[in-house]
Each structure stands twice: as C-alpha cells, then as structure tokens.
Amino acid sequence: MAPRPLTDARAARLGLAVAAVLVGAQVVVAAGWSLTHDDPTVLELTERCLTREKGLTIEDTTGDSVAQSARGGTLRTIVEGNLVTLSVAASQDEVERLRVGYAAGDPGQRLDVRGRYVALWLRDPSPTQRQATYDCAY
C-alpha cells in the first residue's frame, strides 16, 4: 500500500493534533506544579523582601492584640532604628477595623495605613523609614 500524499487539509489536521498534545502536556504539568507547590502569602512575600532586599530582621509580634487580630498576619522589624509593627489585612473593612483599634490609643503620625497594610511605628517615622515598608508591599 502506497502512502497517501500530504494534502493541505491533512497537514492542517496533523498540526492541530500536535498542538493539542503540546497544550495538553502543559496543562498537566501546570496542574501538577500547582497542586504540589503553595504560593507564598502576602505576609511571606513582605517578610522575604524586608529580609533579603532591605537587610532587616523580622520578629514575632507580641503584646499587640490589634495586630495579632489581622487575618493576613503581622510582623515586627526595626527600620533605621524605629520599631514598626506591620499588619496585613484581608479586606478594606479589616483595614478600617485595625485603624480604629489603633486610633483608640491616639497614635497620631505613628499610624500609617497604605493599601491593606497597617503600620504602627514606635516613634514618628521619617519618609525613608516609611519607604522601606512601602517598597515591600504586595
């Protein structure tokens, strides 16, 4: 039996079949990767940035019930000699709840709300101190 000549229609079907196999393989590999590797949380990304890019040391947050109630997590670090507690909120409503919780203590300029991050500084922060936390916001 002699092989049939490759017509335009057969070439197109063959190309589509090969493309479908390749796309299917990519989907399987991506699904396997996704199931076996967890994406880092916003707090983990922030911690990584503060330690690797800013050279800061991260501490556990203790003695701050407002920060510890943040669903996204909380951390403490010292930026240019000024202690800061960073809380990550899961929603804008939570940002407002954290802000109100801190506002009861009248923190003034020490409280900094930006996006879903709520920062409480030990002393009024300088612009460069604030910028270090802004650079690591996700």
Protein backbone atom coordinates (compact mmCIF):
# COMPACT_ATOMS: atom_id res chain seq x y z
CA MET A 1 0.00 0.00 0.00
CA ALA A 2 1.49 3.31 -1.11
CA PRO A 3 1.47 6.25 1.32
CA ARG A 4 -1.15 8.89 0.66
CA PRO A 5 0.15 12.28 -0.37
CA LEU A 6 0.15 15.01 2.29
CA THR A 7 -2.59 17.43 1.31
CA ASP A 8 -3.18 20.82 2.84
CA ALA A 9 -6.13 19.51 4.86
CA ARG A 10 -4.13 16.56 6.24
CA ALA A 11 -1.20 18.83 7.12
CA ALA A 12 -3.53 21.19 8.98
CA ARG A 13 -5.14 18.30 10.93
CA LEU A 14 -1.71 16.93 11.81
CA GLY A 15 -0.55 20.36 13.01
CA LEU A 16 -3.67 20.79 15.14
CA ALA A 17 -3.20 17.34 16.68
CA VAL A 18 0.42 18.08 17.59
CA ALA A 19 -0.56 21.47 19.06
CA ALA A 20 -3.35 19.87 21.11
CA VAL A 21 -0.93 17.29 22.52
CA LEU A 22 1.55 20.02 23.49
CA VAL A 23 -1.12 22.19 25.15
CA GLY A 24 -2.47 19.15 26.99
CA ALA A 25 1.01 18.33 28.27
CA GLN A 26 1.45 21.91 29.51
CA VAL A 27 -1.87 21.79 31.34
CA VAL A 28 -0.93 18.53 33.06
CA VAL A 29 2.48 19.87 34.13
CA ALA A 30 0.98 23.16 35.37
CA ALA A 31 -1.73 21.36 37.34
CA GLY A 32 0.85 19.08 38.93
CA TRP A 33 3.03 22.04 39.88
CA SER A 34 0.08 23.96 41.30
CA LEU A 35 -1.04 21.02 43.43
CA THR A 36 2.41 20.39 44.89
CA HIS A 37 3.65 23.97 45.41
CA ASP A 38 1.85 26.57 47.54
CA ASP A 39 2.19 30.18 46.52
CA PRO A 40 3.67 32.39 49.24
CA THR A 41 1.26 34.55 51.22
CA VAL A 42 1.39 38.34 51.14
CA LEU A 43 2.99 38.29 54.59
CA GLU A 44 5.63 35.80 53.43
CA LEU A 45 6.43 37.97 50.40
CA THR A 46 6.72 41.01 52.66
CA GLU A 47 9.00 39.17 55.09
CA ARG A 48 11.18 37.94 52.23
CA CYS A 49 11.50 41.44 50.80
CA LEU A 50 12.29 43.04 54.16
CA THR A 51 14.98 40.47 54.96
CA ARG A 52 16.54 39.94 51.54
CA GLU A 53 16.23 43.37 49.94
CA LYS A 54 16.26 45.67 52.99
CA GLY A 55 18.51 43.58 55.24
CA LEU A 56 16.10 43.79 58.19
CA THR A 57 15.49 41.25 60.94
CA ILE A 58 11.91 40.07 61.42
CA GLU A 59 10.50 39.46 64.89
CA ASP A 60 7.26 37.92 66.11
CA THR A 61 4.61 40.41 67.17
CA THR A 62 3.88 40.09 70.87
CA GLY A 63 1.71 42.14 73.19
CA ASP A 64 -0.32 43.79 70.42
CA SER A 65 -3.83 42.35 70.28
CA VAL A 66 -4.87 44.64 67.42
CA ALA A 67 -2.02 43.47 65.18
CA GLN A 68 -2.46 39.84 66.15
CA SER A 69 -6.10 40.01 65.04
CA ALA A 70 -5.07 40.76 61.43
CA ARG A 71 -6.18 37.85 59.25
CA GLY A 72 -3.27 38.36 56.82
CA GLY A 73 -0.73 38.16 59.65
CA THR A 74 1.63 40.53 61.40
CA LEU A 75 5.35 41.07 61.91
CA ARG A 76 7.73 43.44 63.65
CA THR A 77 11.02 44.84 62.49
CA ILE A 78 13.29 47.79 63.13
CA VAL A 79 13.74 50.21 60.24
CA GLU A 80 16.59 52.71 60.70
CA GLY A 81 16.29 52.44 64.49
CA ASN A 82 12.49 52.74 64.61
CA LEU A 83 10.37 49.72 65.62
CA VAL A 84 7.39 49.07 63.34
CA THR A 85 4.56 46.59 63.62
CA LEU A 86 3.13 45.70 60.20
CA SER A 87 -0.30 44.11 59.98
CA VAL A 88 -1.73 42.71 56.75
CA ALA A 89 -5.50 42.94 56.37
CA ALA A 90 -7.57 40.63 54.20
CA SER A 91 -10.06 43.34 53.18
CA GLN A 92 -10.69 47.09 53.32
CA ASP A 93 -13.19 46.50 56.13
CA GLU A 94 -10.45 44.84 58.13
CA VAL A 95 -8.07 47.72 57.38
CA GLU A 96 -10.65 50.07 58.87
CA ARG A 97 -11.14 47.81 61.90
CA LEU A 98 -7.39 47.76 62.55
CA ARG A 99 -7.15 51.53 62.08
CA VAL A 100 -9.99 52.14 64.53
CA GLY A 101 -8.43 49.70 67.01
CA TYR A 102 -5.18 51.64 66.97
CA ALA A 103 -6.85 55.07 66.82
CA ALA A 104 -8.27 54.48 70.31
CA GLY A 105 -4.69 54.87 71.59
CA ASP A 106 -4.25 58.18 69.66
CA PRO A 107 -1.09 57.19 67.75
CA GLY A 108 -1.06 60.32 65.57
CA GLN A 109 1.62 60.19 62.86
CA ARG A 110 2.87 56.84 64.17
CA LEU A 111 -0.07 55.08 62.47
CA ASP A 112 0.36 54.59 58.73
CA VAL A 113 -2.33 52.96 56.59
CA ARG A 114 -1.45 52.11 53.00
CA GLY A 115 -3.46 49.67 50.92
CA ARG A 116 -4.05 46.59 53.01
CA TYR A 117 -1.07 47.29 55.28
CA VAL A 118 -1.43 48.96 58.67
CA ALA A 119 1.84 50.05 60.24
CA LEU A 120 2.25 51.25 63.82
CA TRP A 121 5.61 52.88 64.48
CA LEU A 122 7.23 53.33 67.91
CA ARG A 123 8.15 56.93 67.01
CA ASP A 124 7.03 59.18 64.18
CA PRO A 125 8.64 57.64 61.07
CA SER A 126 10.80 59.52 58.62
CA PRO A 127 9.97 59.38 54.91
CA THR A 128 12.82 56.91 54.31
CA GLN A 129 11.61 54.64 57.09
CA ARG A 130 8.11 54.59 55.61
CA GLN A 131 9.53 53.99 52.15
CA ALA A 132 11.25 50.80 53.29
CA THR A 133 7.87 49.32 54.22
CA TYR A 134 6.21 50.69 51.08
CA ASP A 135 8.84 49.02 48.90
CA CYS A 136 7.91 45.63 50.36
CA ALA A 137 4.13 45.95 50.00
CA TYR A 138 2.39 43.47 47.69
